[in-house]
Amino acid sequence: MIREWLHLFGDDLVNTRSTTWRSLAEQERKLPKAQLLAKYPALMKRPVIEHGGILTLGWSAPVQKQYLGSQGARP
């Protein structure tokens, strides 16, 4: 799944704002993304939602609107 999701979402799948990412040595950050996510699953941005054959990443306002309609995106 990691390889499929990396193909679909690219570098966006890795949460570079996480404390896990910040605690990694520079050399570890240079590992291939699939290897990095296998070693540190907490680095994966979440949620990955599959619905009706469509995958989405995260819970941003556009994703909320996609699943919840206009009531999903709140100010």
PDB file of N, CA and C in Angstrom:
ATOM      1  N   MET A   1       0.823  -1.202   0.000  1.00  0.00           N
ATOM      2  CA  MET A   1       0.000   0.000   0.000  1.00  0.00           C
ATOM      3  C   MET A   1       0.864   1.264   0.000  1.00  0.00           C
ATOM      4  N   ILE A   2       1.958   1.217   0.741  1.00  0.00           N
ATOM      5  CA  ILE A   2       2.816   2.406   0.834  1.00  0.00           C
ATOM      6  C   ILE A   2       3.282   2.841  -0.551  1.00  0.00           C
ATOM      7  N   ARG A   3       3.721   1.899  -1.353  1.00  0.00           N
ATOM      8  CA  ARG A   3       4.206   2.248  -2.703  1.00  0.00           C
ATOM      9  C   ARG A   3       3.077   2.825  -3.561  1.00  0.00           C
ATOM     10  N   GLU A   4       1.903   2.230  -3.462  1.00  0.00           N
ATOM     11  CA  GLU A   4       0.753   2.734  -4.219  1.00  0.00           C
ATOM     12  C   GLU A   4       0.412   4.159  -3.773  1.00  0.00           C
ATOM     13  N   TRP A   5       0.377   4.369  -2.473  1.00  0.00           N
ATOM     14  CA  TRP A   5       0.040   5.695  -1.953  1.00  0.00           C
ATOM     15  C   TRP A   5       1.113   6.715  -2.289  1.00  0.00           C
ATOM     16  N   LEU A   6       2.383   6.305  -2.245  1.00  0.00           N
ATOM     17  CA  LEU A   6       3.454   7.220  -2.643  1.00  0.00           C
ATOM     18  C   LEU A   6       3.327   7.594  -4.115  1.00  0.00           C
ATOM     19  N   HIS A   7       2.952   6.629  -4.938  1.00  0.00           N
ATOM     20  CA  HIS A   7       2.756   6.908  -6.359  1.00  0.00           C
ATOM     21  C   HIS A   7       1.624   7.926  -6.545  1.00  0.00           C
ATOM     22  N   LEU A   8       0.571   7.781  -5.759  1.00  0.00           N
ATOM     23  CA  LEU A   8      -0.594   8.655  -5.887  1.00  0.00           C
ATOM     24  C   LEU A   8      -0.378  10.029  -5.251  1.00  0.00           C
ATOM     25  N   PHE A   9       0.170  10.061  -4.025  1.00  0.00           N
ATOM     26  CA  PHE A   9       0.279  11.311  -3.271  1.00  0.00           C
ATOM     27  C   PHE A   9       1.667  11.929  -3.277  1.00  0.00           C
ATOM     28  N   GLY A  10       2.675  11.162  -3.703  1.00  0.00           N
ATOM     29  CA  GLY A  10       4.041  11.685  -3.730  1.00  0.00           C
ATOM     30  C   GLY A  10       4.549  12.035  -2.343  1.00  0.00           C
ATOM     31  N   ASP A  11       5.367  13.066  -2.285  1.00  0.00           N
ATOM     32  CA  ASP A  11       5.981  13.481  -1.022  1.00  0.00           C
ATOM     33  C   ASP A  11       4.965  13.967   0.011  1.00  0.00           C
ATOM     34  N   ASP A  12       3.744  14.291  -0.423  1.00  0.00           N
ATOM     35  CA  ASP A  12       2.713  14.732   0.517  1.00  0.00           C
ATOM     36  C   ASP A  12       2.353  13.652   1.533  1.00  0.00           C
ATOM     37  N   LEU A  13       2.675  12.401   1.232  1.00  0.00           N
ATOM     38  CA  LEU A  13       2.349  11.308   2.150  1.00  0.00           C
ATOM     39  C   LEU A  13       3.204  11.358   3.417  1.00  0.00           C
ATOM     40  N   VAL A  14       4.369  11.999   3.348  1.00  0.00           N
ATOM     41  CA  VAL A  14       5.263  12.090   4.499  1.00  0.00           C
ATOM     42  C   VAL A  14       4.988  13.395   5.239  1.00  0.00           C
ATOM     43  N   ASN A  15       4.670  13.262   6.519  1.00  0.00           N
ATOM     44  CA  ASN A  15       4.372  14.426   7.346  1.00  0.00           C
ATOM     45  C   ASN A  15       5.668  15.028   7.875  1.00  0.00           C
ATOM     46  N   THR A  16       6.175  16.022   7.167  1.00  0.00           N
ATOM     47  CA  THR A  16       7.434  16.654   7.554  1.00  0.00           C
ATOM     48  C   THR A  16       7.248  17.698   8.652  1.00  0.00           C
ATOM     49  N   ARG A  17       6.033  17.852   9.139  1.00  0.00           N
ATOM     50  CA  ARG A  17       5.780  18.778  10.247  1.00  0.00           C
ATOM     51  C   ARG A  17       5.689  18.041  11.587  1.00  0.00           C
ATOM     52  N   SER A  18       5.824  16.718  11.544  1.00  0.00           N
ATOM     53  CA  SER A  18       5.662  15.920  12.763  1.00  0.00           C
ATOM     54  C   SER A  18       6.911  15.953  13.642  1.00  0.00           C
ATOM     55  N   THR A  19       6.716  15.637  14.917  1.00  0.00           N
ATOM     56  CA  THR A  19       7.857  15.547  15.834  1.00  0.00           C
ATOM     57  C   THR A  19       8.759  14.376  15.454  1.00  0.00           C
ATOM     58  N   THR A  20       8.173  13.333  14.892  1.00  0.00           N
ATOM     59  CA  THR A  20       8.983  12.195  14.441  1.00  0.00           C
ATOM     60  C   THR A  20       9.966  12.647  13.365  1.00  0.00           C
ATOM     61  N   TRP A  21       9.489  13.407  12.388  1.00  0.00           N
ATOM     62  CA  TRP A  21      10.353  13.910  11.317  1.00  0.00           C
ATOM     63  C   TRP A  21      11.454  14.799  11.887  1.00  0.00           C
ATOM     64  N   ARG A  22      11.081  15.691  12.785  1.00  0.00           N
ATOM     65  CA  ARG A  22      12.066  16.619  13.355  1.00  0.00           C
ATOM     66  C   ARG A  22      13.127  15.893  14.171  1.00  0.00           C
ATOM     67  N   SER A  23      12.797  14.715  14.700  1.00  0.00           N
ATOM     68  CA  SER A  23      13.765  13.976  15.512  1.00  0.00           C
ATOM     69  C   SER A  23      14.704  13.106  14.673  1.00  0.00           C
ATOM     70  N   LEU A  24      14.445  12.983  13.371  1.00  0.00           N
ATOM     71  CA  LEU A  24      15.291  12.156  12.514  1.00  0.00           C
ATOM     72  C   LEU A  24      16.608  12.855  12.188  1.00  0.00           C
ATOM     73  N   ALA A  25      17.650  12.055  12.084  1.00  0.00           N
ATOM     74  CA  ALA A  25      18.934  12.576  11.628  1.00  0.00           C
ATOM     75  C   ALA A  25      18.813  12.924  10.142  1.00  0.00           C
ATOM     76  N   GLU A  26      19.601  13.865   9.688  1.00  0.00           N
ATOM     77  CA  GLU A  26      19.556  14.298   8.286  1.00  0.00           C
ATOM     78  C   GLU A  26      19.761  13.122   7.336  1.00  0.00           C
ATOM     79  N   GLN A  27      20.627  12.189   7.703  1.00  0.00           N
ATOM     80  CA  GLN A  27      20.895  11.026   6.853  1.00  0.00           C
ATOM     81  C   GLN A  27      19.650  10.153   6.731  1.00  0.00           C
ATOM     82  N   GLU A  28      18.881   9.993   7.807  1.00  0.00           N
ATOM     83  CA  GLU A  28      17.652   9.190   7.743  1.00  0.00           C
ATOM     84  C   GLU A  28      16.599   9.868   6.872  1.00  0.00           C
ATOM     85  N   ARG A  29      16.543  11.177   6.916  1.00  0.00           N
ATOM     86  CA  ARG A  29      15.565  11.913   6.093  1.00  0.00           C
ATOM     87  C   ARG A  29      15.792  11.696   4.605  1.00  0.00           C
ATOM     88  N   LYS A  30      17.001  11.311   4.230  1.00  0.00           N
ATOM     89  CA  LYS A  30      17.346  11.094   2.820  1.00  0.00           C
ATOM     90  C   LYS A  30      17.020   9.685   2.337  1.00  0.00           C
ATOM     91  N   LEU A  31      16.551   8.807   3.231  1.00  0.00           N
ATOM     92  CA  LEU A  31      16.177   7.450   2.829  1.00  0.00           C
ATOM     93  C   LEU A  31      15.037   7.511   1.823  1.00  0.00           C
ATOM     94  N   PRO A  32      14.912   6.489   0.977  1.00  0.00           N
ATOM     95  CA  PRO A  32      13.747   6.434   0.083  1.00  0.00           C
ATOM     96  C   PRO A  32      12.456   6.497   0.906  1.00  0.00           C
ATOM     97  N   LYS A  33      11.472   7.213   0.400  1.00  0.00           N
ATOM     98  CA  LYS A  33      10.229   7.450   1.154  1.00  0.00           C
ATOM     99  C   LYS A  33       9.558   6.152   1.602  1.00  0.00           C
ATOM    100  N   ALA A  34       9.524   5.140   0.746  1.00  0.00           N
ATOM    101  CA  ALA A  34       8.884   3.870   1.117  1.00  0.00           C
ATOM    102  C   ALA A  34       9.606   3.237   2.295  1.00  0.00           C
ATOM    103  N   GLN A  35      10.916   3.276   2.267  1.00  0.00           N
ATOM    104  CA  GLN A  35      11.708   2.706   3.362  1.00  0.00           C
ATOM    105  C   GLN A  35      11.496   3.517   4.645  1.00  0.00           C
ATOM    106  N   LEU A  36      11.465   4.808   4.514  1.00  0.00           N
ATOM    107  CA  LEU A  36      11.268   5.692   5.660  1.00  0.00           C
ATOM    108  C   LEU A  36       9.915   5.446   6.326  1.00  0.00           C
ATOM    109  N   LEU A  37       8.858   5.320   5.523  1.00  0.00           N
ATOM    110  CA  LEU A  37       7.525   5.078   6.071  1.00  0.00           C
ATOM    111  C   LEU A  37       7.387   3.685   6.668  1.00  0.00           C
ATOM    112  N   ALA A  38       8.086   2.705   6.106  1.00  0.00           N
ATOM    113  CA  ALA A  38       8.056   1.358   6.669  1.00  0.00           C
ATOM    114  C   ALA A  38       8.758   1.334   8.029  1.00  0.00           C
ATOM    115  N   LYS A  39       9.822   2.094   8.145  1.00  0.00           N
ATOM    116  CA  LYS A  39      10.589   2.143   9.391  1.00  0.00           C
ATOM    117  C   LYS A  39       9.913   3.007  10.447  1.00  0.00           C
ATOM    118  N   TYR A  40       9.270   4.096  10.015  1.00  0.00           N
ATOM    119  CA  TYR A  40       8.614   5.039  10.929  1.00  0.00           C
ATOM    120  C   TYR A  40       7.183   5.299  10.456  1.00  0.00           C
ATOM    121  N   PRO A  41       6.244   4.395  10.717  1.00  0.00           N
ATOM    122  CA  PRO A  41       4.865   4.572  10.236  1.00  0.00           C
ATOM    123  C   PRO A  41       4.202   5.863  10.719  1.00  0.00           C
ATOM    124  N   ALA A  42       4.643   6.383  11.847  1.00  0.00           N
ATOM    125  CA  ALA A  42       4.052   7.626  12.371  1.00  0.00           C
ATOM    126  C   ALA A  42       4.328   8.815  11.456  1.00  0.00           C
ATOM    127  N   LEU A  43       5.249   8.674  10.517  1.00  0.00           N
ATOM    128  CA  LEU A  43       5.542   9.760   9.575  1.00  0.00           C
ATOM    129  C   LEU A  43       4.481   9.931   8.503  1.00  0.00           C
ATOM    130  N   MET A  44       3.617   8.939   8.356  1.00  0.00           N
ATOM    131  CA  MET A  44       2.617   9.023   7.299  1.00  0.00           C
ATOM    132  C   MET A  44       1.526  10.027   7.662  1.00  0.00           C
ATOM    133  N   LYS A  45       1.260  10.915   6.723  1.00  0.00           N
ATOM    134  CA  LYS A  45       0.169  11.864   6.907  1.00  0.00           C
ATOM    135  C   LYS A  45      -1.138  11.092   6.892  1.00  0.00           C
ATOM    136  N   ARG A  46      -2.067  11.462   7.742  1.00  0.00           N
ATOM    137  CA  ARG A  46      -3.324  10.742   7.880  1.00  0.00           C
ATOM    138  C   ARG A  46      -4.483  11.717   7.898  1.00  0.00           C
ATOM    139  N   PRO A  47      -5.659  11.237   7.663  1.00  0.00           N
ATOM    140  CA  PRO A  47      -6.022   9.889   7.246  1.00  0.00           C
ATOM    141  C   PRO A  47      -5.921   9.716   5.740  1.00  0.00           C
ATOM    142  N   VAL A  48      -5.744   8.472   5.320  1.00  0.00           N
ATOM    143  CA  VAL A  48      -5.921   8.091   3.925  1.00  0.00           C
ATOM    144  C   VAL A  48      -7.288   7.435   3.877  1.00  0.00           C
ATOM    145  N   ILE A  49      -8.191   7.996   3.108  1.00  0.00           N
ATOM    146  CA  ILE A  49      -9.564   7.499   3.035  1.00  0.00           C
ATOM    147  C   ILE A  49      -9.821   6.950   1.643  1.00  0.00           C
ATOM    148  N   GLU A  50     -10.342   5.729   1.608  1.00  0.00           N
ATOM    149  CA  GLU A  50     -10.763   5.145   0.338  1.00  0.00           C
ATOM    150  C   GLU A  50     -12.277   5.040   0.355  1.00  0.00           C
ATOM    151  N   HIS A  51     -12.910   5.653  -0.631  1.00  0.00           N
ATOM    152  CA  HIS A  51     -14.364   5.617  -0.718  1.00  0.00           C
ATOM    153  C   HIS A  51     -14.745   5.610  -2.191  1.00  0.00           C
ATOM    154  N   GLY A  52     -15.466   4.611  -2.592  1.00  0.00           N
ATOM    155  CA  GLY A  52     -15.906   4.531  -3.984  1.00  0.00           C
ATOM    156  C   GLY A  52     -14.766   4.450  -4.970  1.00  0.00           C
ATOM    157  N   GLY A  53     -13.664   3.816  -4.572  1.00  0.00           N
ATOM    158  CA  GLY A  53     -12.520   3.671  -5.460  1.00  0.00           C
ATOM    159  C   GLY A  53     -11.643   4.901  -5.548  1.00  0.00           C
ATOM    160  N   ILE A  54     -11.952   5.935  -4.758  1.00  0.00           N
ATOM    161  CA  ILE A  54     -11.171   7.177  -4.757  1.00  0.00           C
ATOM    162  C   ILE A  54     -10.437   7.287  -3.429  1.00  0.00           C
ATOM    163  N   LEU A  55      -9.151   7.648  -3.496  1.00  0.00           N
ATOM    164  CA  LEU A  55      -8.343   7.846  -2.291  1.00  0.00           C
ATOM    165  C   LEU A  55      -8.126   9.331  -2.056  1.00  0.00           C
ATOM    166  N   THR A  56      -8.234   9.741  -0.797  1.00  0.00           N
ATOM    167  CA  THR A  56      -7.910  11.110  -0.417  1.00  0.00           C
ATOM    168  C   THR A  56      -6.941  11.063   0.751  1.00  0.00           C
ATOM    169  N   LEU A  57      -6.186  12.135   0.922  1.00  0.00           N
ATOM    170  CA  LEU A  57      -5.188  12.230   1.975  1.00  0.00           C
ATOM    171  C   LEU A  57      -5.466  13.449   2.833  1.00  0.00           C
ATOM    172  N   GLY A  58      -5.465  13.251   4.141  1.00  0.00           N
ATOM    173  CA  GLY A  58      -5.655  14.357   5.067  1.00  0.00           C
ATOM    174  C   GLY A  58      -7.123  14.651   5.304  1.00  0.00           C
ATOM    175  N   TRP A  59      -7.364  15.688   6.100  1.00  0.00           N
ATOM    176  CA  TRP A  59      -8.724  16.084   6.450  1.00  0.00           C
ATOM    177  C   TRP A  59      -8.859  17.597   6.286  1.00  0.00           C
ATOM    178  N   SER A  60      -8.396  18.090   5.164  1.00  0.00           N
ATOM    179  CA  SER A  60      -8.467  19.514   4.850  1.00  0.00           C
ATOM    180  C   SER A  60      -9.909  19.898   4.513  1.00  0.00           C
ATOM    181  N   ALA A  61     -10.169  21.184   4.420  1.00  0.00           N
ATOM    182  CA  ALA A  61     -11.510  21.674   4.097  1.00  0.00           C
ATOM    183  C   ALA A  61     -12.041  21.091   2.777  1.00  0.00           C
ATOM    184  N   PRO A  62     -11.227  21.023   1.709  1.00  0.00           N
ATOM    185  CA  PRO A  62     -11.756  20.429   0.471  1.00  0.00           C
ATOM    186  C   PRO A  62     -12.138  18.953   0.631  1.00  0.00           C
ATOM    187  N   VAL A  63     -11.364  18.194   1.404  1.00  0.00           N
ATOM    188  CA  VAL A  63     -11.684  16.775   1.615  1.00  0.00           C
ATOM    189  C   VAL A  63     -12.952  16.655   2.458  1.00  0.00           C
ATOM    190  N   GLN A  64     -13.070  17.495   3.487  1.00  0.00           N
ATOM    191  CA  GLN A  64     -14.283  17.489   4.309  1.00  0.00           C
ATOM    192  C   GLN A  64     -15.502  17.788   3.459  1.00  0.00           C
ATOM    193  N   LYS A  65     -15.375  18.778   2.586  1.00  0.00           N
ATOM    194  CA  LYS A  65     -16.504  19.141   1.724  1.00  0.00           C
ATOM    195  C   LYS A  65     -16.861  17.990   0.786  1.00  0.00           C
ATOM    196  N   GLN A  66     -15.841  17.289   0.297  1.00  0.00           N
ATOM    197  CA  GLN A  66     -16.076  16.158  -0.599  1.00  0.00           C
ATOM    198  C   GLN A  66     -16.915  15.082   0.088  1.00  0.00           C
ATOM    199  N   TYR A  67     -16.643  14.806   1.348  1.00  0.00           N
ATOM    200  CA  TYR A  67     -17.340  13.735   2.055  1.00  0.00           C
ATOM    201  C   TYR A  67     -18.566  14.194   2.833  1.00  0.00           C
ATOM    202  N   LEU A  68     -18.537  15.435   3.312  1.00  0.00           N
ATOM    203  CA  LEU A  68     -19.622  15.905   4.170  1.00  0.00           C
ATOM    204  C   LEU A  68     -20.517  16.947   3.530  1.00  0.00           C
ATOM    205  N   GLY A  69     -20.164  17.399   2.344  1.00  0.00           N
ATOM    206  CA  GLY A  69     -20.932  18.468   1.710  1.00  0.00           C
ATOM    207  C   GLY A  69     -20.563  19.817   2.311  1.00  0.00           C
ATOM    208  N   SER A  70     -21.408  20.780   2.168  1.00  0.00           N
ATOM    209  CA  SER A  70     -21.118  22.141   2.623  1.00  0.00           C
ATOM    210  C   SER A  70     -20.961  22.240   4.130  1.00  0.00           C
ATOM    211  N   GLN A  71     -21.522  21.316   4.871  1.00  0.00           N
ATOM    212  CA  GLN A  71     -21.415  21.367   6.331  1.00  0.00           C
ATOM    213  C   GLN A  71     -20.026  20.954   6.811  1.00  0.00           C
ATOM    214  N   GLY A  72     -19.188  20.366   5.935  1.00  0.00           N
ATOM    215  CA  GLY A  72     -17.866  19.907   6.335  1.00  0.00           C
ATOM    216  C   GLY A  72     -16.866  21.018   6.515  1.00  0.00           C
ATOM    217  N   ALA A  73     -16.900  22.023   5.676  1.00  0.00           N
ATOM    218  CA  ALA A  73     -15.927  23.112   5.731  1.00  0.00           C
ATOM    219  C   ALA A  73     -16.479  24.218   6.617  1.00  0.00           C
ATOM    220  N   ARG A  74     -15.917  24.327   7.795  1.00  0.00           N
ATOM    221  CA  ARG A  74     -16.364  25.358   8.743  1.00  0.00           C
ATOM    222  C   ARG A  74     -15.266  26.387   8.939  1.00  0.00           C
ATOM    223  N   PRO A  75     -15.654  27.636   9.159  1.00  0.00           N
ATOM    224  CA  PRO A  75     -14.635  28.682   9.363  1.00  0.00           C
ATOM    225  C   PRO A  75     -13.886  28.525  10.656  1.00  0.00           C
TER     226      PRO A  75
END
